[in-house]
PDB file of all heavy atoms in Angstrom:
ATOM      1  N   PHE A   1      11.933  14.195 -17.712  1.00  0.00           N
ATOM      2  CA  PHE A   1      11.993  15.644 -17.879  1.00  0.00           C
ATOM      3  C   PHE A   1      13.348  16.150 -17.391  1.00  0.00           C
ATOM      4  O   PHE A   1      13.699  15.980 -16.222  1.00  0.00           O
ATOM      5  CB  PHE A   1      10.861  16.318 -17.095  1.00  0.00           C
ATOM      6  CG  PHE A   1       9.491  15.841 -17.493  1.00  0.00           C
ATOM      7  CD1 PHE A   1       8.855  14.832 -16.770  1.00  0.00           C
ATOM      8  CD2 PHE A   1       8.844  16.375 -18.593  1.00  0.00           C
ATOM      9  CE1 PHE A   1       7.597  14.381 -17.132  1.00  0.00           C
ATOM     10  CE2 PHE A   1       7.583  15.926 -18.976  1.00  0.00           C
ATOM     11  CZ  PHE A   1       6.960  14.924 -18.234  1.00  0.00           C
ATOM     12  N   GLN A   2      14.104  16.778 -18.307  1.00  0.00           N
ATOM     13  CA  GLN A   2      15.397  17.379 -17.978  1.00  0.00           C
ATOM     14  C   GLN A   2      15.220  18.877 -17.767  1.00  0.00           C
ATOM     15  O   GLN A   2      14.616  19.562 -18.601  1.00  0.00           O
ATOM     16  CB  GLN A   2      16.414  17.155 -19.089  1.00  0.00           C
ATOM     17  CG  GLN A   2      16.790  15.724 -19.342  1.00  0.00           C
ATOM     18  CD  GLN A   2      17.880  15.611 -20.393  1.00  0.00           C
ATOM     19  OE1 GLN A   2      18.614  16.558 -20.673  1.00  0.00           O
ATOM     20  NE2 GLN A   2      17.995  14.442 -21.001  1.00  0.00           N
ATOM     21  N   ILE A   3      15.781  19.386 -16.666  1.00  0.00           N
ATOM     22  CA  ILE A   3      15.630  20.796 -16.315  1.00  0.00           C
ATOM     23  C   ILE A   3      16.995  21.473 -16.398  1.00  0.00           C
ATOM     24  O   ILE A   3      17.896  21.181 -15.602  1.00  0.00           O
ATOM     25  CB  ILE A   3      15.042  20.947 -14.894  1.00  0.00           C
ATOM     26  CG1 ILE A   3      13.836  20.015 -14.700  1.00  0.00           C
ATOM     27  CG2 ILE A   3      14.684  22.399 -14.624  1.00  0.00           C
ATOM     28  CD1 ILE A   3      12.717  20.219 -15.681  1.00  0.00           C
ATOM     29  N   TRP A   4      17.139  22.384 -17.374  1.00  0.00           N
ATOM     30  CA  TRP A   4      18.390  23.113 -17.596  1.00  0.00           C
ATOM     31  C   TRP A   4      18.279  24.594 -17.268  1.00  0.00           C
ATOM     32  O   TRP A   4      19.293  25.284 -17.165  1.00  0.00           O
ATOM     33  CB  TRP A   4      18.837  22.968 -19.054  1.00  0.00           C
ATOM     34  CG  TRP A   4      19.188  21.574 -19.466  1.00  0.00           C
ATOM     35  CD1 TRP A   4      18.330  20.584 -19.837  1.00  0.00           C
ATOM     36  CD2 TRP A   4      20.494  21.004 -19.554  1.00  0.00           C
ATOM     37  NE1 TRP A   4      19.009  19.431 -20.152  1.00  0.00           N
ATOM     38  CE2 TRP A   4      20.342  19.661 -19.998  1.00  0.00           C
ATOM     39  CE3 TRP A   4      21.783  21.503 -19.302  1.00  0.00           C
ATOM     40  CZ2 TRP A   4      21.426  18.814 -20.184  1.00  0.00           C
ATOM     41  CZ3 TRP A   4      22.864  20.652 -19.504  1.00  0.00           C
ATOM     42  CH2 TRP A   4      22.684  19.329 -19.941  1.00  0.00           C
ATOM     43  N   GLU A   5      17.061  25.117 -17.154  1.00  0.00           N
ATOM     44  CA  GLU A   5      16.827  26.547 -16.940  1.00  0.00           C
ATOM     45  C   GLU A   5      15.776  26.742 -15.840  1.00  0.00           C
ATOM     46  O   GLU A   5      15.044  25.807 -15.505  1.00  0.00           O
ATOM     47  CB  GLU A   5      16.334  27.214 -18.234  1.00  0.00           C
ATOM     48  CG  GLU A   5      17.233  27.045 -19.436  1.00  0.00           C
ATOM     49  CD  GLU A   5      18.524  27.840 -19.341  1.00  0.00           C
ATOM     50  OE1 GLU A   5      18.648  28.684 -18.423  1.00  0.00           O
ATOM     51  OE2 GLU A   5      19.414  27.604 -20.173  1.00  0.00           O
ATOM     52  N   PRO A   6      15.650  27.944 -15.262  1.00  0.00           N
ATOM     53  CA  PRO A   6      14.575  28.196 -14.304  1.00  0.00           C
ATOM     54  C   PRO A   6      13.209  28.071 -14.991  1.00  0.00           C
ATOM     55  O   PRO A   6      12.943  28.745 -15.987  1.00  0.00           O
ATOM     56  CB  PRO A   6      14.842  29.636 -13.849  1.00  0.00           C
ATOM     57  CG  PRO A   6      16.249  29.930 -14.216  1.00  0.00           C
ATOM     58  CD  PRO A   6      16.543  29.121 -15.434  1.00  0.00           C
ATOM     59  N   LEU A   7      12.340  27.224 -14.444  1.00  0.00           N
ATOM     60  CA  LEU A   7      11.068  26.921 -15.085  1.00  0.00           C
ATOM     61  C   LEU A   7       9.969  26.811 -14.039  1.00  0.00           C
ATOM     62  O   LEU A   7      10.232  26.759 -12.832  1.00  0.00           O
ATOM     63  CB  LEU A   7      11.167  25.609 -15.872  1.00  0.00           C
ATOM     64  CG  LEU A   7      12.194  25.553 -17.000  1.00  0.00           C
ATOM     65  CD1 LEU A   7      12.406  24.118 -17.446  1.00  0.00           C
ATOM     66  CD2 LEU A   7      11.760  26.421 -18.155  1.00  0.00           C
ATOM     67  N   SER A   8       8.728  26.729 -14.528  1.00  0.00           N
ATOM     68  CA  SER A   8       7.606  26.592 -13.610  1.00  0.00           C
ATOM     69  C   SER A   8       6.464  25.844 -14.291  1.00  0.00           C
ATOM     70  O   SER A   8       6.338  25.858 -15.513  1.00  0.00           O
ATOM     71  CB  SER A   8       7.127  27.975 -13.151  1.00  0.00           C
ATOM     72  OG  SER A   8       6.101  27.863 -12.195  1.00  0.00           O
ATOM     73  N   LEU A   9       5.687  25.183 -13.469  1.00  0.00           N
ATOM     74  CA  LEU A   9       4.431  24.530 -13.850  1.00  0.00           C
ATOM     75  C   LEU A   9       4.656  23.233 -14.638  1.00  0.00           C
ATOM     76  O   LEU A   9       4.803  23.220 -15.854  1.00  0.00           O
ATOM     77  CB  LEU A   9       3.532  25.476 -14.649  1.00  0.00           C
ATOM     78  CG  LEU A   9       2.927  26.625 -13.844  1.00  0.00           C
ATOM     79  CD1 LEU A   9       2.179  27.590 -14.777  1.00  0.00           C
ATOM     80  CD2 LEU A   9       1.976  26.081 -12.784  1.00  0.00           C
ATOM     81  N   LEU A  10       4.644  22.145 -13.891  1.00  0.00           N
ATOM     82  CA  LEU A  10       4.666  20.801 -14.457  1.00  0.00           C
ATOM     83  C   LEU A  10       3.609  19.994 -13.704  1.00  0.00           C
ATOM     84  O   LEU A  10       3.712  19.790 -12.490  1.00  0.00           O
ATOM     85  CB  LEU A  10       6.039  20.158 -14.302  1.00  0.00           C
ATOM     86  CG  LEU A  10       6.192  18.719 -14.802  1.00  0.00           C
ATOM     87  CD1 LEU A  10       5.848  18.612 -16.278  1.00  0.00           C
ATOM     88  CD2 LEU A  10       7.614  18.219 -14.549  1.00  0.00           C
ATOM     89  N   THR A  11       2.589  19.559 -14.425  1.00  0.00           N
ATOM     90  CA  THR A  11       1.461  18.861 -13.826  1.00  0.00           C
ATOM     91  C   THR A  11       1.317  17.489 -14.466  1.00  0.00           C
ATOM     92  O   THR A  11       1.126  17.386 -15.683  1.00  0.00           O
ATOM     93  CB  THR A  11       0.161  19.666 -14.014  1.00  0.00           C
ATOM     94  OG1 THR A  11       0.326  20.967 -13.452  1.00  0.00           O
ATOM     95  CG2 THR A  11      -1.002  18.966 -13.339  1.00  0.00           C
ATOM     96  N   ILE A  12       1.416  16.437 -13.633  1.00  0.00           N
ATOM     97  CA  ILE A  12       1.352  15.063 -14.122  1.00  0.00           C
ATOM     98  C   ILE A  12       0.287  14.349 -13.297  1.00  0.00           C
ATOM     99  O   ILE A  12       0.502  14.029 -12.121  1.00  0.00           O
ATOM    100  CB  ILE A  12       2.711  14.360 -13.976  1.00  0.00           C
ATOM    101  CG1 ILE A  12       3.814  15.169 -14.678  1.00  0.00           C
ATOM    102  CG2 ILE A  12       2.653  12.951 -14.534  1.00  0.00           C
ATOM    103  CD1 ILE A  12       5.211  14.652 -14.410  1.00  0.00           C
ATOM    104  N   THR A  13      -0.881  14.114 -13.888  1.00  0.00           N
ATOM    105  CA  THR A  13      -2.003  13.585 -13.124  1.00  0.00           C
ATOM    106  C   THR A  13      -2.754  12.504 -13.898  1.00  0.00           C
ATOM    107  O   THR A  13      -2.874  12.551 -15.121  1.00  0.00           O
ATOM    108  CB  THR A  13      -3.008  14.699 -12.766  1.00  0.00           C
ATOM    109  OG1 THR A  13      -3.528  15.274 -13.976  1.00  0.00           O
ATOM    110  CG2 THR A  13      -2.349  15.794 -11.944  1.00  0.00           C
ATOM    111  N   ASN A  14      -3.246  11.525 -13.139  1.00  0.00           N
ATOM    112  CA  ASN A  14      -4.207  10.528 -13.656  1.00  0.00           C
ATOM    113  C   ASN A  14      -3.686   9.737 -14.853  1.00  0.00           C
ATOM    114  O   ASN A  14      -4.466   9.292 -15.698  1.00  0.00           O
ATOM    115  CB  ASN A  14      -5.529  11.216 -14.012  1.00  0.00           C
ATOM    116  CG  ASN A  14      -6.179  11.855 -12.798  1.00  0.00           C
ATOM    117  OD1 ASN A  14      -6.505  11.192 -11.826  1.00  0.00           O
ATOM    118  ND2 ASN A  14      -6.329  13.172 -12.842  1.00  0.00           N
ATOM    119  N   ASN A  15      -2.387   9.540 -14.913  1.00  0.00           N
ATOM    120  CA  ASN A  15      -1.822   8.643 -15.911  1.00  0.00           C
ATOM    121  C   ASN A  15      -1.759   7.230 -15.349  1.00  0.00           C
ATOM    122  O   ASN A  15      -1.669   7.026 -14.133  1.00  0.00           O
ATOM    123  CB  ASN A  15      -0.425   9.121 -16.305  1.00  0.00           C
ATOM    124  CG  ASN A  15      -0.435  10.528 -16.860  1.00  0.00           C
ATOM    125  OD1 ASN A  15      -0.800  10.754 -18.002  1.00  0.00           O
ATOM    126  ND2 ASN A  15      -0.038  11.500 -16.031  1.00  0.00           N
ATOM    127  N   VAL A  16      -1.776   6.234 -16.235  1.00  0.00           N
ATOM    128  CA  VAL A  16      -1.720   4.844 -15.808  1.00  0.00           C
ATOM    129  C   VAL A  16      -0.692   4.111 -16.661  1.00  0.00           C
ATOM    130  O   VAL A  16      -0.316   4.562 -17.747  1.00  0.00           O
ATOM    131  CB  VAL A  16      -3.093   4.148 -15.937  1.00  0.00           C
ATOM    132  CG1 VAL A  16      -4.143   4.848 -15.074  1.00  0.00           C
ATOM    133  CG2 VAL A  16      -3.556   4.088 -17.391  1.00  0.00           C
ATOM    134  N   GLY A  17      -0.251   2.968 -16.159  1.00  0.00           N
ATOM    135  CA  GLY A  17       0.667   2.177 -16.970  1.00  0.00           C
ATOM    136  C   GLY A  17       1.192   0.980 -16.223  1.00  0.00           C
ATOM    137  O   GLY A  17       1.043   0.847 -15.006  1.00  0.00           O
ATOM    138  N   ASN A  18       1.845   0.071 -16.969  1.00  0.00           N
ATOM    139  CA  ASN A  18       2.473  -1.085 -16.347  1.00  0.00           C
ATOM    140  C   ASN A  18       3.576  -1.634 -17.221  1.00  0.00           C
ATOM    141  O   ASN A  18       3.691  -1.310 -18.396  1.00  0.00           O
ATOM    142  CB  ASN A  18       1.432  -2.168 -16.037  1.00  0.00           C
ATOM    143  CG  ASN A  18       0.791  -2.734 -17.275  1.00  0.00           C
ATOM    144  OD1 ASN A  18       1.382  -3.559 -17.962  1.00  0.00           O
ATOM    145  ND2 ASN A  18      -0.433  -2.303 -17.568  1.00  0.00           N
ATOM    146  N   ASN A  19       4.419  -2.441 -16.579  1.00  0.00           N
ATOM    147  CA  ASN A  19       5.515  -3.141 -17.247  1.00  0.00           C
ATOM    148  C   ASN A  19       6.618  -2.162 -17.637  1.00  0.00           C
ATOM    149  O   ASN A  19       6.797  -1.825 -18.822  1.00  0.00           O
ATOM    150  CB  ASN A  19       5.009  -3.920 -18.468  1.00  0.00           C
ATOM    151  CG  ASN A  19       5.947  -5.060 -18.827  1.00  0.00           C
ATOM    152  OD1 ASN A  19       6.682  -5.553 -17.973  1.00  0.00           O
ATOM    153  ND2 ASN A  19       5.911  -5.490 -20.074  1.00  0.00           N
ATOM    154  N   PHE A  20       7.373  -1.741 -16.615  1.00  0.00           N
ATOM    155  CA  PHE A  20       8.438  -0.746 -16.799  1.00  0.00           C
ATOM    156  C   PHE A  20       9.804  -1.368 -16.547  1.00  0.00           C
ATOM    157  O   PHE A  20       9.975  -2.159 -15.611  1.00  0.00           O
ATOM    158  CB  PHE A  20       8.244   0.417 -15.831  1.00  0.00           C
ATOM    159  CG  PHE A  20       6.926   1.118 -15.976  1.00  0.00           C
ATOM    160  CD1 PHE A  20       5.963   1.031 -14.984  1.00  0.00           C
ATOM    161  CD2 PHE A  20       6.642   1.857 -17.116  1.00  0.00           C
ATOM    162  CE1 PHE A  20       4.752   1.678 -15.116  1.00  0.00           C
ATOM    163  CE2 PHE A  20       5.425   2.502 -17.257  1.00  0.00           C
ATOM    164  CZ  PHE A  20       4.479   2.413 -16.256  1.00  0.00           C
ATOM    165  N   TYR A  21      10.772  -0.960 -17.363  1.00  0.00           N
ATOM    166  CA  TYR A  21      12.153  -1.374 -17.154  1.00  0.00           C
ATOM    167  C   TYR A  21      12.861  -0.441 -16.188  1.00  0.00           C
ATOM    168  O   TYR A  21      13.588  -0.869 -15.304  1.00  0.00           O
ATOM    169  CB  TYR A  21      12.895  -1.397 -18.490  1.00  0.00           C
ATOM    170  CG  TYR A  21      14.360  -1.769 -18.385  1.00  0.00           C
ATOM    171  CD1 TYR A  21      14.743  -3.105 -18.423  1.00  0.00           C
ATOM    172  CD2 TYR A  21      15.354  -0.801 -18.265  1.00  0.00           C
ATOM    173  CE1 TYR A  21      16.083  -3.464 -18.330  1.00  0.00           C
ATOM    174  CE2 TYR A  21      16.685  -1.149 -18.173  1.00  0.00           C
ATOM    175  CZ  TYR A  21      17.048  -2.477 -18.203  1.00  0.00           C
ATOM    176  OH  TYR A  21      18.373  -2.829 -18.107  1.00  0.00           O
ATOM    177  N   ARG A  22      12.635   0.872 -16.350  1.00  0.00           N
ATOM    178  CA  ARG A  22      13.354   1.846 -15.532  1.00  0.00           C
ATOM    179  C   ARG A  22      12.334   2.627 -14.697  1.00  0.00           C
ATOM    180  O   ARG A  22      11.654   2.030 -13.873  1.00  0.00           O
ATOM    181  CB  ARG A  22      14.216   2.754 -16.430  1.00  0.00           C
ATOM    182  CG  ARG A  22      15.345   3.471 -15.676  1.00  0.00           C
ATOM    183  CD  ARG A  22      16.330   4.115 -16.663  1.00  0.00           C
ATOM    184  NE  ARG A  22      17.459   4.709 -15.960  1.00  0.00           N
ATOM    185  CZ  ARG A  22      17.497   5.960 -15.508  1.00  0.00           C
ATOM    186  NH1 ARG A  22      16.454   6.761 -15.712  1.00  0.00           N
ATOM    187  NH2 ARG A  22      18.559   6.426 -14.881  1.00  0.00           N
ATOM    188  N   MET A  23      12.218   3.923 -14.880  1.00  0.00           N
ATOM    189  CA  MET A  23      11.377   4.744 -14.020  1.00  0.00           C
ATOM    190  C   MET A  23      10.061   5.101 -14.705  1.00  0.00           C
ATOM    191  O   MET A  23      10.010   5.300 -15.912  1.00  0.00           O
ATOM    192  CB  MET A  23      12.102   6.037 -13.652  1.00  0.00           C
ATOM    193  CG  MET A  23      13.442   5.820 -12.976  1.00  0.00           C
ATOM    194  SD  MET A  23      14.201   7.377 -12.495  1.00  0.00           S
ATOM    195  CE  MET A  23      15.852   6.813 -12.049  1.00  0.00           C
ATOM    196  N   ALA A  24       9.011   5.235 -13.900  1.00  0.00           N
ATOM    197  CA  ALA A  24       7.758   5.740 -14.440  1.00  0.00           C
ATOM    198  C   ALA A  24       7.867   7.241 -14.714  1.00  0.00           C
ATOM    199  O   ALA A  24       7.499   7.712 -15.794  1.00  0.00           O
ATOM    200  CB  ALA A  24       6.613   5.444 -13.488  1.00  0.00           C
ATOM    201  N   ILE A  25       8.362   8.010 -13.734  1.00  0.00           N
ATOM    202  CA  ILE A  25       8.545   9.449 -13.908  1.00  0.00           C
ATOM    203  C   ILE A  25       9.900   9.837 -13.341  1.00  0.00           C
ATOM    204  O   ILE A  25      10.214   9.520 -12.188  1.00  0.00           O
ATOM    205  CB  ILE A  25       7.450  10.261 -13.200  1.00  0.00           C
ATOM    206  CG1 ILE A  25       6.061   9.900 -13.736  1.00  0.00           C
ATOM    207  CG2 ILE A  25       7.700  11.759 -13.352  1.00  0.00           C
ATOM    208  CD1 ILE A  25       4.923  10.521 -12.936  1.00  0.00           C
ATOM    209  N   GLU A  26      10.694  10.547 -14.134  1.00  0.00           N
ATOM    210  CA  GLU A  26      11.969  11.090 -13.673  1.00  0.00           C
ATOM    211  C   GLU A  26      12.015  12.576 -13.994  1.00  0.00           C
ATOM    212  O   GLU A  26      11.843  12.975 -15.146  1.00  0.00           O
ATOM    213  CB  GLU A  26      13.149  10.366 -14.333  1.00  0.00           C
ATOM    214  CG  GLU A  26      14.496  10.875 -13.849  1.00  0.00           C
ATOM    215  CD  GLU A  26      15.674  10.110 -14.443  1.00  0.00           C
ATOM    216  OE1 GLU A  26      15.458   9.262 -15.335  1.00  0.00           O
ATOM    217  OE2 GLU A  26      16.810  10.362 -13.998  1.00  0.00           O
ATOM    218  N   ILE A  27      12.252  13.396 -12.967  1.00  0.00           N
ATOM    219  CA  ILE A  27      12.432  14.835 -13.133  1.00  0.00           C
ATOM    220  C   ILE A  27      13.808  15.172 -12.571  1.00  0.00           C
ATOM    221  O   ILE A  27      14.059  14.967 -11.385  1.00  0.00           O
ATOM    222  CB  ILE A  27      11.335  15.637 -12.408  1.00  0.00           C
ATOM    223  CG1 ILE A  27       9.941  15.170 -12.835  1.00  0.00           C
ATOM    224  CG2 ILE A  27      11.502  17.127 -12.685  1.00  0.00           C
ATOM    225  CD1 ILE A  27       8.829  15.769 -11.995  1.00  0.00           C
ATOM    226  N   GLN A  28      14.682  15.689 -13.418  1.00  0.00           N
ATOM    227  CA  GLN A  28      16.094  15.800 -13.049  1.00  0.00           C
ATOM    228  C   GLN A  28      16.649  17.172 -13.398  1.00  0.00           C
ATOM    229  O   GLN A  28      16.572  17.619 -14.542  1.00  0.00           O
ATOM    230  CB  GLN A  28      16.905  14.727 -13.793  1.00  0.00           C
ATOM    231  CG  GLN A  28      18.386  14.740 -13.524  1.00  0.00           C
ATOM    232  CD  GLN A  28      18.728  14.105 -12.185  1.00  0.00           C
ATOM    233  OE1 GLN A  28      18.196  13.071 -11.832  1.00  0.00           O
ATOM    234  NE2 GLN A  28      19.619  14.719 -11.447  1.00  0.00           N
ATOM    235  N   THR A  29      17.198  17.862 -12.394  1.00  0.00           N
ATOM    236  CA  THR A  29      17.957  19.084 -12.657  1.00  0.00           C
ATOM    237  C   THR A  29      19.314  18.706 -13.234  1.00  0.00           C
ATOM    238  O   THR A  29      20.033  17.889 -12.661  1.00  0.00           O
ATOM    239  CB  THR A  29      18.143  19.900 -11.367  1.00  0.00           C
ATOM    240  OG1 THR A  29      16.855  20.300 -10.900  1.00  0.00           O
ATOM    241  CG2 THR A  29      18.973  21.136 -11.629  1.00  0.00           C
ATOM    242  N   MET A  30      19.680  19.325 -14.360  1.00  0.00           N
ATOM    243  CA  MET A  30      20.891  18.930 -15.066  1.00  0.00           C
ATOM    244  C   MET A  30      22.106  19.791 -14.733  1.00  0.00           C
ATOM    245  O   MET A  30      23.226  19.417 -15.038  1.00  0.00           O
ATOM    246  CB  MET A  30      20.635  18.963 -16.578  1.00  0.00           C
ATOM    247  CG  MET A  30      19.427  18.152 -17.022  1.00  0.00           C
ATOM    248  SD  MET A  30      19.468  16.412 -16.479  1.00  0.00           S
ATOM    249  CE  MET A  30      20.873  15.816 -17.413  1.00  0.00           C
ATOM    250  N   ARG A  31      21.879  20.976 -14.136  1.00  0.00           N
ATOM    251  CA  ARG A  31      22.992  21.826 -13.740  1.00  0.00           C
ATOM    252  C   ARG A  31      22.499  22.793 -12.667  1.00  0.00           C
ATOM    253  O   ARG A  31      21.299  22.910 -12.422  1.00  0.00           O
ATOM    254  CB  ARG A  31      23.570  22.588 -14.933  1.00  0.00           C
ATOM    255  CG  ARG A  31      22.564  23.473 -15.669  1.00  0.00           C
ATOM    256  CD  ARG A  31      23.178  24.092 -16.905  1.00  0.00           C
ATOM    257  NE  ARG A  31      22.207  24.893 -17.655  1.00  0.00           N
ATOM    258  CZ  ARG A  31      22.486  25.496 -18.809  1.00  0.00           C
ATOM    259  NH1 ARG A  31      23.694  25.383 -19.339  1.00  0.00           N
ATOM    260  NH2 ARG A  31      21.553  26.200 -19.438  1.00  0.00           N
ATOM    261  N   THR A  32      23.418  23.500 -12.044  1.00  0.00           N
ATOM    262  CA  THR A  32      23.076  24.381 -10.938  1.00  0.00           C
ATOM    263  C   THR A  32      22.633  25.753 -11.414  1.00  0.00           C
ATOM    264  O   THR A  32      21.674  26.336 -10.885  1.00  0.00           O
ATOM    265  CB  THR A  32      24.273  24.527  -9.987  1.00  0.00           C
ATOM    266  OG1 THR A  32      24.649  23.227  -9.517  1.00  0.00           O
ATOM    267  CG2 THR A  32      23.926  25.400  -8.798  1.00  0.00           C
ATOM    268  N   THR A  33      23.292  26.288 -12.443  1.00  0.00           N
ATOM    269  CA  THR A  33      23.039  27.647 -12.919  1.00  0.00           C
ATOM    270  C   THR A  33      22.643  27.616 -14.388  1.00  0.00           C
ATOM    271  O   THR A  33      23.249  26.910 -15.195  1.00  0.00           O
ATOM    272  CB  THR A  33      24.288  28.523 -12.744  1.00  0.00           C
ATOM    273  OG1 THR A  33      24.683  28.487 -11.374  1.00  0.00           O
ATOM    274  CG2 THR A  33      23.998  29.966 -13.129  1.00  0.00           C
TER     275      THR A  33
END
C-alpha cells in the first residue's frame, strides 16, 4: 500500500499465506506533503 495523500481506515485481518520472497505487508508513505 502506497500512501501519497492524507487517508484513513485500513483494516487487514485474518489473512493467511506462505512462501514469500519479499514482504507479507508493506505500508509506505511516499512523500511528506
